[in-house]
Amino acid sequence: GVFFGVFLGFFQLESGPPIWFAFAFPGTFFGIFFLITFVRDIRAFR
């Protein structure tokens, strides 16, 4: 989120996405990845 926030602020995109999107995008992307990891390990242990 910090990386994308700095990127958006550097280019000062007037019609670009809001600042919260900088955290929502990596949060969603990595959230799906870690959710798959959690379910996989729980299933293996159980």
All heavy atoms as atom14 arrays in JSON, in Angstrom:
{
  "sequence": "GVFFGVFLGFFQLESGPPIWFAFAFPGTFFGIFFLITFVRDIRAFR",
  "atom14_mask": [
    [1, 1, 1, 1, 0, 0, 0, 0, 0, 0, 0, 0, 0, 0],
    [1, 1, 1, 1, 1, 1, 1, 0, 0, 0, 0, 0, 0, 0],
    [1, 1, 1, 1, 1, 1, 1, 1, 1, 1, 1, 0, 0, 0],
    [1, 1, 1, 1, 1, 1, 1, 1, 1, 1, 1, 0, 0, 0],
    [1, 1, 1, 1, 0, 0, 0, 0, 0, 0, 0, 0, 0, 0],
    [1, 1, 1, 1, 1, 1, 1, 0, 0, 0, 0, 0, 0, 0],
    [1, 1, 1, 1, 1, 1, 1, 1, 1, 1, 1, 0, 0, 0],
    [1, 1, 1, 1, 1, 1, 1, 1, 0, 0, 0, 0, 0, 0],
    [1, 1, 1, 1, 0, 0, 0, 0, 0, 0, 0, 0, 0, 0],
    [1, 1, 1, 1, 1, 1, 1, 1, 1, 1, 1, 0, 0, 0],
    [1, 1, 1, 1, 1, 1, 1, 1, 1, 1, 1, 0, 0, 0],
    [1, 1, 1, 1, 1, 1, 1, 1, 1, 0, 0, 0, 0, 0],
    [1, 1, 1, 1, 1, 1, 1, 1, 0, 0, 0, 0, 0, 0],
    [1, 1, 1, 1, 1, 1, 1, 1, 1, 0, 0, 0, 0, 0],
    [1, 1, 1, 1, 1, 1, 0, 0, 0, 0, 0, 0, 0, 0],
    [1, 1, 1, 1, 0, 0, 0, 0, 0, 0, 0, 0, 0, 0],
    [1, 1, 1, 1, 1, 1, 1, 0, 0, 0, 0, 0, 0, 0],
    [1, 1, 1, 1, 1, 1, 1, 0, 0, 0, 0, 0, 0, 0],
    [1, 1, 1, 1, 1, 1, 1, 1, 0, 0, 0, 0, 0, 0],
    [1, 1, 1, 1, 1, 1, 1, 1, 1, 1, 1, 1, 1, 1],
    [1, 1, 1, 1, 1, 1, 1, 1, 1, 1, 1, 0, 0, 0],
    [1, 1, 1, 1, 1, 0, 0, 0, 0, 0, 0, 0, 0, 0],
    [1, 1, 1, 1, 1, 1, 1, 1, 1, 1, 1, 0, 0, 0],
    [1, 1, 1, 1, 1, 0, 0, 0, 0, 0, 0, 0, 0, 0],
    [1, 1, 1, 1, 1, 1, 1, 1, 1, 1, 1, 0, 0, 0],
    [1, 1, 1, 1, 1, 1, 1, 0, 0, 0, 0, 0, 0, 0],
    [1, 1, 1, 1, 0, 0, 0, 0, 0, 0, 0, 0, 0, 0],
    [1, 1, 1, 1, 1, 1, 1, 0, 0, 0, 0, 0, 0, 0],
    [1, 1, 1, 1, 1, 1, 1, 1, 1, 1, 1, 0, 0, 0],
    [1, 1, 1, 1, 1, 1, 1, 1, 1, 1, 1, 0, 0, 0],
    [1, 1, 1, 1, 0, 0, 0, 0, 0, 0, 0, 0, 0, 0],
    [1, 1, 1, 1, 1, 1, 1, 1, 0, 0, 0, 0, 0, 0],
    [1, 1, 1, 1, 1, 1, 1, 1, 1, 1, 1, 0, 0, 0],
    [1, 1, 1, 1, 1, 1, 1, 1, 1, 1, 1, 0, 0, 0],
    [1, 1, 1, 1, 1, 1, 1, 1, 0, 0, 0, 0, 0, 0],
    [1, 1, 1, 1, 1, 1, 1, 1, 0, 0, 0, 0, 0, 0],
    [1, 1, 1, 1, 1, 1, 1, 0, 0, 0, 0, 0, 0, 0],
    [1, 1, 1, 1, 1, 1, 1, 1, 1, 1, 1, 0, 0, 0],
    [1, 1, 1, 1, 1, 1, 1, 0, 0, 0, 0, 0, 0, 0],
    [1, 1, 1, 1, 1, 1, 1, 1, 1, 1, 1, 0, 0, 0],
    [1, 1, 1, 1, 1, 1, 1, 1, 0, 0, 0, 0, 0, 0],
    [1, 1, 1, 1, 1, 1, 1, 1, 0, 0, 0, 0, 0, 0],
    [1, 1, 1, 1, 1, 1, 1, 1, 1, 1, 1, 0, 0, 0],
    [1, 1, 1, 1, 1, 0, 0, 0, 0, 0, 0, 0, 0, 0],
    [1, 1, 1, 1, 1, 1, 1, 1, 1, 1, 1, 0, 0, 0],
    [1, 1, 1, 1, 1, 1, 1, 1, 1, 1, 1, 0, 0, 0]
  ],
  "atom14_positions": [
    [[0.81, -1.21, 0.0], [0.0, 0.0, 0.0], [0.84, 1.26, 0.0], [0.53, 2.23, -0.71], [0.0, 0.0, 0.0], [0.0, 0.0, 0.0], [0.0, 0.0, 0.0], [0.0, 0.0, 0.0], [0.0, 0.0, 0.0], [0.0, 0.0, 0.0], [0.0, 0.0, 0.0], [0.0, 0.0, 0.0], [0.0, 0.0, 0.0], [0.0, 0.0, 0.0]],
    [[1.9, 1.28, 0.8], [2.8, 2.44, 0.82], [3.47, 2.63, -0.54], [3.57, 3.75, -1.05], [3.86, 2.27, 1.93], [4.93, 3.35, 1.82], [3.2, 2.31, 3.3], [0.0, 0.0, 0.0], [0.0, 0.0, 0.0], [0.0, 0.0, 0.0], [0.0, 0.0, 0.0], [0.0, 0.0, 0.0], [0.0, 0.0, 0.0], [0.0, 0.0, 0.0]],
    [[3.9, 1.54, -1.15], [4.54, 1.62, -2.46], [3.59, 2.21, -3.5], [3.94, 3.15, -4.23], [5.01, 0.24, -2.9], [5.55, 0.19, -4.3], [6.85, 0.6, -4.57], [4.76, -0.25, -5.36], [7.35, 0.57, -5.87], [5.25, -0.28, -6.65], [6.54, 0.13, -6.92], [0.0, 0.0, 0.0], [0.0, 0.0, 0.0], [0.0, 0.0, 0.0]],
    [[2.37, 1.67, -3.58], [1.41, 2.17, -4.57], [0.96, 3.59, -4.23], [0.68, 4.4, -5.12], [0.21, 1.24, -4.66], [0.49, -0.01, -5.45], [0.5, -1.25, -4.83], [0.73, 0.05, -6.82], [0.76, -2.4, -5.55], [1.0, -1.1, -7.54], [1.01, -2.33, -6.91], [0.0, 0.0, 0.0], [0.0, 0.0, 0.0], [0.0, 0.0, 0.0]],
    [[0.86, 3.9, -2.91], [0.49, 5.26, -2.53], [1.53, 6.28, -2.96], [1.18, 7.35, -3.47], [0.0, 0.0, 0.0], [0.0, 0.0, 0.0], [0.0, 0.0, 0.0], [0.0, 0.0, 0.0], [0.0, 0.0, 0.0], [0.0, 0.0, 0.0], [0.0, 0.0, 0.0], [0.0, 0.0, 0.0], [0.0, 0.0, 0.0], [0.0, 0.0, 0.0]],
    [[2.8, 5.96, -2.78], [3.88, 6.85, -3.24], [3.85, 6.97, -4.76], [4.04, 8.06, -5.32], [5.24, 6.31, -2.76], [6.38, 7.11, -3.4], [5.34, 6.39, -1.24], [0.0, 0.0, 0.0], [0.0, 0.0, 0.0], [0.0, 0.0, 0.0], [0.0, 0.0, 0.0], [0.0, 0.0, 0.0], [0.0, 0.0, 0.0], [0.0, 0.0, 0.0]],
    [[3.57, 5.86, -5.44], [3.5, 5.88, -6.9], [2.38, 6.81, -7.39], [2.58, 7.63, -8.28], [3.27, 4.45, -7.42], [3.13, 4.35, -8.9], [4.23, 4.32, -9.73], [1.86, 4.28, -9.48], [4.1, 4.22, -11.1], [1.71, 4.19, -10.85], [2.83, 4.15, -11.67], [0.0, 0.0, 0.0], [0.0, 0.0, 0.0], [0.0, 0.0, 0.0]],
    [[1.2, 6.68, -6.78], [0.08, 7.53, -7.18], [0.34, 8.99, -6.84], [0.0, 9.9, -7.62], [-1.2, 7.06, -6.5], [-1.73, 5.67, -6.9], [-2.93, 5.28, -6.05], [-2.1, 5.65, -8.38], [0.0, 0.0, 0.0], [0.0, 0.0, 0.0], [0.0, 0.0, 0.0], [0.0, 0.0, 0.0], [0.0, 0.0, 0.0], [0.0, 0.0, 0.0]],
    [[0.95, 9.23, -5.67], [1.25, 10.61, -5.3], [2.32, 11.24, -6.16], [2.28, 12.45, -6.45], [0.0, 0.0, 0.0], [0.0, 0.0, 0.0], [0.0, 0.0, 0.0], [0.0, 0.0, 0.0], [0.0, 0.0, 0.0], [0.0, 0.0, 0.0], [0.0, 0.0, 0.0], [0.0, 0.0, 0.0], [0.0, 0.0, 0.0], [0.0, 0.0, 0.0]],
    [[3.29, 10.45, -6.6], [4.37, 10.98, -7.43], [3.86, 11.47, -8.79], [4.26, 12.51, -9.29], [5.44, 9.9, -7.62], [6.59, 10.32, -8.5], [7.6, 11.13, -7.98], [6.67, 9.92, -9.82], [8.66, 11.52, -8.79], [7.72, 10.31, -10.63], [8.72, 11.12, -10.11], [0.0, 0.0, 0.0], [0.0, 0.0, 0.0], [0.0, 0.0, 0.0]],
    [[2.97, 10.68, -9.38], [2.46, 11.05, -10.7], [1.25, 11.99, -10.61], [0.83, 12.54, -11.62], [2.07, 9.8, -11.49], [3.26, 9.04, -12.0], [3.77, 7.96, -11.29], [3.89, 9.41, -13.17], [4.87, 7.25, -11.76], [5.0, 8.72, -13.64], [5.49, 7.63, -12.94], [0.0, 0.0, 0.0], [0.0, 0.0, 0.0], [0.0, 0.0, 0.0]],
    [[0.7, 12.16, -9.39], [-0.41, 13.09, -9.18], [-1.49, 12.92, -10.24], [-1.84, 13.84, -10.98], [0.11, 14.55, -9.18], [1.08, 14.84, -8.05], [1.56, 16.27, -8.06], [1.33, 17.01, -9.0], [2.23, 16.67, -6.99], [0.0, 0.0, 0.0], [0.0, 0.0, 0.0], [0.0, 0.0, 0.0], [0.0, 0.0, 0.0], [0.0, 0.0, 0.0]],
    [[-2.01, 11.72, -10.3], [-3.04, 11.4, -11.29], [-4.38, 11.99, -10.83], [-4.94, 11.57, -9.83], [-3.14, 9.89, -11.46], [-1.84, 9.18, -11.9], [-2.05, 7.67, -11.94], [-1.38, 9.68, -13.26], [0.0, 0.0, 0.0], [0.0, 0.0, 0.0], [0.0, 0.0, 0.0], [0.0, 0.0, 0.0], [0.0, 0.0, 0.0], [0.0, 0.0, 0.0]],
    [[-4.88, 13.0, -11.56], [-6.11, 13.66, -11.17], [-7.32, 12.73, -11.28], [-8.23, 12.78, -10.46], [-6.32, 14.91, -12.04], [-5.24, 15.97, -11.84], [-5.49, 17.18, -12.7], [-6.49, 17.17, -13.45], [-4.71, 18.16, -12.61], [0.0, 0.0, 0.0], [0.0, 0.0, 0.0], [0.0, 0.0, 0.0], [0.0, 0.0, 0.0], [0.0, 0.0, 0.0]],
    [[-7.33, 11.93, -12.33], [-8.46, 11.03, -12.54], [-8.14, 9.6, -12.1], [-8.82, 8.67, -12.49], [-8.88, 11.02, -14.02], [-7.78, 10.61, -14.83], [0.0, 0.0, 0.0], [0.0, 0.0, 0.0], [0.0, 0.0, 0.0], [0.0, 0.0, 0.0], [0.0, 0.0, 0.0], [0.0, 0.0, 0.0], [0.0, 0.0, 0.0], [0.0, 0.0, 0.0]],
    [[-7.09, 9.46, -11.32], [-6.67, 8.14, -10.88], [-7.5, 7.63, -9.73], [-8.41, 8.32, -9.22], [0.0, 0.0, 0.0], [0.0, 0.0, 0.0], [0.0, 0.0, 0.0], [0.0, 0.0, 0.0], [0.0, 0.0, 0.0], [0.0, 0.0, 0.0], [0.0, 0.0, 0.0], [0.0, 0.0, 0.0], [0.0, 0.0, 0.0], [0.0, 0.0, 0.0]],
    [[-7.23, 6.43, -9.26], [-8.0, 5.84, -8.15], [-7.7, 6.55, -6.84], [-6.65, 7.18, -6.67], [-7.5, 4.39, -8.14], [-6.14, 4.45, -8.73], [-6.19, 5.52, -9.77], [0.0, 0.0, 0.0], [0.0, 0.0, 0.0], [0.0, 0.0, 0.0], [0.0, 0.0, 0.0], [0.0, 0.0, 0.0], [0.0, 0.0, 0.0], [0.0, 0.0, 0.0]],
    [[-8.61, 6.47, -5.85], [-8.36, 7.08, -4.54], [-7.23, 6.39, -3.81], [-6.82, 5.29, -4.15], [-9.71, 6.9, -3.82], [-10.35, 5.74, -4.52], [-9.91, 5.81, -5.95], [0.0, 0.0, 0.0], [0.0, 0.0, 0.0], [0.0, 0.0, 0.0], [0.0, 0.0, 0.0], [0.0, 0.0, 0.0], [0.0, 0.0, 0.0], [0.0, 0.0, 0.0]],
    [[-6.73, 7.05, -2.75], [-5.57, 6.55, -2.06], [-5.85, 5.21, -1.38], [-4.95, 4.36, -1.24], [-5.07, 7.6, -1.02], [-3.72, 7.19, -0.45], [-6.11, 7.78, 0.07], [-2.62, 7.16, -1.47], [0.0, 0.0, 0.0], [0.0, 0.0, 0.0], [0.0, 0.0, 0.0], [0.0, 0.0, 0.0], [0.0, 0.0, 0.0], [0.0, 0.0, 0.0]],
    [[-7.1, 4.97, -0.94], [-7.4, 3.7, -0.28], [-7.22, 2.51, -1.22], [-7.01, 1.39, -0.78], [-8.8, 3.71, 0.32], [-9.92, 3.92, -0.67], [-10.55, 5.1, -0.93], [-10.54, 2.93, -1.51], [-11.53, 4.92, -1.89], [-11.54, 3.59, -2.26], [-10.34, 1.57, -1.69], [-12.33, 2.93, -3.19], [-11.13, 0.9, -2.62], [-12.11, 1.58, -3.35]],
    [[-7.32, 2.79, -2.54], [-7.15, 1.71, -3.51], [-5.73, 1.16, -3.46], [-5.5, -0.01, -3.75], [-7.46, 2.23, -4.91], [-7.32, 1.17, -5.98], [-8.33, 0.25, -6.2], [-6.17, 1.11, -6.76], [-8.2, -0.73, -7.17], [-6.04, 0.13, -7.74], [-7.05, -0.79, -7.95], [0.0, 0.0, 0.0], [0.0, 0.0, 0.0], [0.0, 0.0, 0.0]],
    [[-4.77, 2.02, -3.07], [-3.38, 1.59, -2.98], [-3.2, 0.47, -1.96], [-2.32, -0.38, -2.11], [-2.48, 2.78, -2.63], [0.0, 0.0, 0.0], [0.0, 0.0, 0.0], [0.0, 0.0, 0.0], [0.0, 0.0, 0.0], [0.0, 0.0, 0.0], [0.0, 0.0, 0.0], [0.0, 0.0, 0.0], [0.0, 0.0, 0.0], [0.0, 0.0, 0.0]],
    [[-4.05, 0.45, -0.92], [-3.98, -0.61, 0.08], [-4.97, -1.73, -0.23], [-4.7, -2.9, 0.11], [-4.27, -0.03, 1.47], [-3.2, 0.88, 1.97], [-3.22, 2.23, 1.67], [-2.16, 0.39, 2.74], [-2.23, 3.09, 2.13], [-1.15, 1.23, 3.2], [-1.19, 2.58, 2.9], [0.0, 0.0, 0.0], [0.0, 0.0, 0.0], [0.0, 0.0, 0.0]],
    [[-6.08, -1.39, -0.86], [-7.1, -2.41, -1.15], [-6.62, -3.41, -2.2], [-6.9, -4.61, -2.11], [-8.4, -1.75, -1.63], [0.0, 0.0, 0.0], [0.0, 0.0, 0.0], [0.0, 0.0, 0.0], [0.0, 0.0, 0.0], [0.0, 0.0, 0.0], [0.0, 0.0, 0.0], [0.0, 0.0, 0.0], [0.0, 0.0, 0.0], [0.0, 0.0, 0.0]],
    [[-5.87, -2.93, -3.19], [-5.43, -3.82, -4.26], [-4.46, -4.9, -3.75], [-4.72, -6.1, -3.93], [-4.8, -3.02, -5.39], [-4.22, -3.87, -6.48], [-5.03, -4.55, -7.36], [-2.84, -3.99, -6.62], [-4.51, -5.36, -8.36], [-2.29, -4.79, -7.62], [-3.13, -5.47, -8.49], [0.0, 0.0, 0.0], [0.0, 0.0, 0.0], [0.0, 0.0, 0.0]],
    [[-3.33, -4.53, -3.1], [-2.45, -5.6, -2.58], [-3.1, -6.4, -1.47], [-2.84, -7.61, -1.33], [-1.21, -4.84, -2.09], [-1.69, -3.47, -1.81], [-2.77, -3.2, -2.83], [0.0, 0.0, 0.0], [0.0, 0.0, 0.0], [0.0, 0.0, 0.0], [0.0, 0.0, 0.0], [0.0, 0.0, 0.0], [0.0, 0.0, 0.0], [0.0, 0.0, 0.0]],
    [[-3.99, -5.76, -0.67], [-4.66, -6.49, 0.39], [-5.55, -7.6, -0.15], [-5.56, -8.71, 0.39], [0.0, 0.0, 0.0], [0.0, 0.0, 0.0], [0.0, 0.0, 0.0], [0.0, 0.0, 0.0], [0.0, 0.0, 0.0], [0.0, 0.0, 0.0], [0.0, 0.0, 0.0], [0.0, 0.0, 0.0], [0.0, 0.0, 0.0], [0.0, 0.0, 0.0]],
    [[-6.27, -7.3, -1.22], [-7.14, -8.32, -1.83], [-6.32, -9.4, -2.51], [-6.59, -10.6, -2.37], [-8.08, -7.67, -2.85], [-8.85, -6.64, -2.2], [-9.01, -8.71, -3.46], [0.0, 0.0, 0.0], [0.0, 0.0, 0.0], [0.0, 0.0, 0.0], [0.0, 0.0, 0.0], [0.0, 0.0, 0.0], [0.0, 0.0, 0.0], [0.0, 0.0, 0.0]],
    [[-5.3, -8.98, -3.27], [-4.49, -9.94, -4.02], [-3.79, -10.92, -3.08], [-3.92, -12.15, -3.23], [-3.46, -9.19, -4.86], [-2.52, -10.09, -5.61], [-2.9, -10.67, -6.81], [-1.24, -10.36, -5.12], [-2.04, -11.5, -7.5], [-0.38, -11.19, -5.81], [-0.78, -11.76, -7.01], [0.0, 0.0, 0.0], [0.0, 0.0, 0.0], [0.0, 0.0, 0.0]],
    [[-3.07, -10.39, -2.1], [-2.37, -11.27, -1.17], [-3.32, -11.96, -0.2], [-3.01, -13.03, 0.32], [-1.3, -10.49, -0.41], [-0.15, -10.06, -1.26], [0.02, -8.72, -1.62], [0.76, -10.98, -1.73], [1.08, -8.32, -2.42], [1.83, -10.59, -2.54], [1.98, -9.26, -2.88], [0.0, 0.0, 0.0], [0.0, 0.0, 0.0], [0.0, 0.0, 0.0]],
    [[-4.47, -11.35, 0.06], [-5.46, -11.99, 0.91], [-5.96, -13.3, 0.32], [-6.12, -14.29, 1.04], [0.0, 0.0, 0.0], [0.0, 0.0, 0.0], [0.0, 0.0, 0.0], [0.0, 0.0, 0.0], [0.0, 0.0, 0.0], [0.0, 0.0, 0.0], [0.0, 0.0, 0.0], [0.0, 0.0, 0.0], [0.0, 0.0, 0.0], [0.0, 0.0, 0.0]],
    [[-6.19, -13.31, -0.99], [-6.61, -14.55, -1.65], [-5.52, -15.6, -1.55], [-5.77, -16.78, -1.26], [-6.97, -14.26, -3.12], [-8.19, -13.35, -3.21], [-7.2, -15.56, -3.89], [-8.52, -12.89, -4.6], [0.0, 0.0, 0.0], [0.0, 0.0, 0.0], [0.0, 0.0, 0.0], [0.0, 0.0, 0.0], [0.0, 0.0, 0.0], [0.0, 0.0, 0.0]],
    [[-4.27, -15.17, -1.77], [-3.14, -16.11, -1.7], [-3.01, -16.71, -0.3], [-2.88, -17.93, -0.14], [-1.85, -15.39, -2.09], [-0.61, -16.18, -1.85], [-0.22, -17.18, -2.73], [0.18, -15.94, -0.72], [0.93, -17.93, -2.5], [1.33, -16.68, -0.49], [1.7, -17.67, -1.38], [0.0, 0.0, 0.0], [0.0, 0.0, 0.0], [0.0, 0.0, 0.0]],
    [[-3.06, -15.87, 0.74], [-2.89, -16.37, 2.1], [-4.1, -17.18, 2.56], [-3.96, -18.1, 3.38], [-2.63, -15.22, 3.06], [-1.24, -14.65, 2.95], [-1.03, -13.31, 2.64], [-0.13, -15.45, 3.16], [0.26, -12.8, 2.54], [1.16, -14.95, 3.06], [1.35, -13.62, 2.75], [0.0, 0.0, 0.0], [0.0, 0.0, 0.0], [0.0, 0.0, 0.0]],
    [[-5.28, -16.86, 2.05], [-6.45, -17.66, 2.39], [-6.32, -19.07, 1.84], [-6.65, -20.05, 2.53], [-7.71, -17.0, 1.82], [-9.04, -17.75, 2.07], [-9.29, -17.87, 3.57], [-10.19, -17.03, 1.37], [0.0, 0.0, 0.0], [0.0, 0.0, 0.0], [0.0, 0.0, 0.0], [0.0, 0.0, 0.0], [0.0, 0.0, 0.0], [0.0, 0.0, 0.0]],
    [[-5.8, -19.19, 0.62], [-5.56, -20.51, 0.04], [-4.53, -21.28, 0.88], [-4.69, -22.48, 1.15], [-5.11, -20.38, -1.42], [-6.24, -19.81, -2.28], [-4.64, -21.73, -1.98], [-5.83, -19.5, -3.71], [0.0, 0.0, 0.0], [0.0, 0.0, 0.0], [0.0, 0.0, 0.0], [0.0, 0.0, 0.0], [0.0, 0.0, 0.0], [0.0, 0.0, 0.0]],
    [[-3.48, -20.58, 1.3], [-2.45, -21.21, 2.14], [-3.05, -21.7, 3.47], [-2.75, -22.81, 3.93], [-1.32, -20.21, 2.43], [-0.74, -19.79, 1.19], [-0.24, -20.85, 3.29], [0.0, 0.0, 0.0], [0.0, 0.0, 0.0], [0.0, 0.0, 0.0], [0.0, 0.0, 0.0], [0.0, 0.0, 0.0], [0.0, 0.0, 0.0], [0.0, 0.0, 0.0]],
    [[-3.88, -20.87, 4.09], [-4.51, -21.22, 5.37], [-5.38, -22.47, 5.22], [-5.27, -23.42, 6.01], [-5.32, -20.04, 5.88], [-6.12, -20.33, 7.12], [-5.51, -20.4, 8.35], [-7.5, -20.53, 7.04], [-6.23, -20.68, 9.5], [-8.24, -20.8, 8.18], [-7.6, -20.87, 9.4], [0.0, 0.0, 0.0], [0.0, 0.0, 0.0], [0.0, 0.0, 0.0]],
    [[-6.25, -22.48, 4.21], [-7.15, -23.61, 4.0], [-6.36, -24.88, 3.69], [-6.67, -25.97, 4.2], [-8.15, -23.3, 2.87], [-8.97, -24.53, 2.51], [-9.06, -22.15, 3.27], [0.0, 0.0, 0.0], [0.0, 0.0, 0.0], [0.0, 0.0, 0.0], [0.0, 0.0, 0.0], [0.0, 0.0, 0.0], [0.0, 0.0, 0.0], [0.0, 0.0, 0.0]],
    [[-5.31, -24.74, 2.87], [-4.49, -25.91, 2.51], [-3.83, -26.53, 3.73], [-3.87, -27.76, 3.92], [-3.43, -25.48, 1.51], [-2.5, -26.59, 1.03], [-1.28, -25.99, 0.37], [-0.48, -25.25, 1.33], [0.45, -24.35, 0.99], [0.67, -24.08, -0.28], [1.15, -23.71, 1.92], [0.0, 0.0, 0.0], [0.0, 0.0, 0.0], [0.0, 0.0, 0.0]],
    [[-3.23, -25.7, 4.6], [-2.54, -26.23, 5.77], [-3.52, -26.8, 6.79], [-3.26, -27.85, 7.4], [-1.68, -25.14, 6.4], [-0.46, -24.8, 5.56], [-0.18, -25.55, 4.6], [0.22, -23.8, 5.84], [0.0, 0.0, 0.0], [0.0, 0.0, 0.0], [0.0, 0.0, 0.0], [0.0, 0.0, 0.0], [0.0, 0.0, 0.0], [0.0, 0.0, 0.0]],
    [[-4.64, -26.13, 6.99], [-5.64, -26.62, 7.94], [-6.16, -27.99, 7.5], [-6.3, -28.92, 8.31], [-6.8, -25.62, 8.08], [-6.35, -24.38, 8.86], [-7.99, -26.27, 8.79], [-5.98, -24.64, 10.29], [0.0, 0.0, 0.0], [0.0, 0.0, 0.0], [0.0, 0.0, 0.0], [0.0, 0.0, 0.0], [0.0, 0.0, 0.0], [0.0, 0.0, 0.0]],
    [[-6.44, -28.13, 6.22], [-6.92, -29.41, 5.71], [-5.88, -30.51, 5.89], [-6.21, -31.64, 6.26], [-7.3, -29.28, 4.24], [-8.54, -28.45, 3.98], [-8.87, -28.41, 2.5], [-9.14, -29.74, 1.97], [-9.39, -29.99, 0.7], [-9.39, -29.0, -0.18], [-9.64, -31.21, 0.29], [0.0, 0.0, 0.0], [0.0, 0.0, 0.0], [0.0, 0.0, 0.0]],
    [[-4.62, -30.18, 5.64], [-3.56, -31.18, 5.8], [-3.4, -31.6, 7.26], [-3.28, -32.79, 7.57], [-2.24, -30.64, 5.26], [0.0, 0.0, 0.0], [0.0, 0.0, 0.0], [0.0, 0.0, 0.0], [0.0, 0.0, 0.0], [0.0, 0.0, 0.0], [0.0, 0.0, 0.0], [0.0, 0.0, 0.0], [0.0, 0.0, 0.0], [0.0, 0.0, 0.0]],
    [[-3.44, -30.65, 8.18], [-3.26, -30.96, 9.59], [-4.46, -31.74, 10.15], [-4.31, -32.68, 10.93], [-3.05, -29.69, 10.41], [-1.79, -28.95, 10.05], [-1.58, -27.64, 10.45], [-0.8, -29.56, 9.3], [-0.43, -26.96, 10.13], [0.37, -28.89, 8.96], [0.55, -27.58, 9.38], [0.0, 0.0, 0.0], [0.0, 0.0, 0.0], [0.0, 0.0, 0.0]],
    [[-5.66, -31.34, 9.74], [-6.86, -32.02, 10.24], [-6.99, -33.42, 9.66], [-7.49, -34.33, 10.33], [-8.09, -31.19, 9.91], [-8.32, -30.01, 10.85], [-9.64, -29.35, 10.59], [-9.98, -28.41, 11.65], [-11.08, -27.67, 11.64], [-11.95, -27.76, 10.65], [-11.33, -26.83, 12.63], [0.0, 0.0, 0.0], [0.0, 0.0, 0.0], [0.0, 0.0, 0.0]]
  ]
}
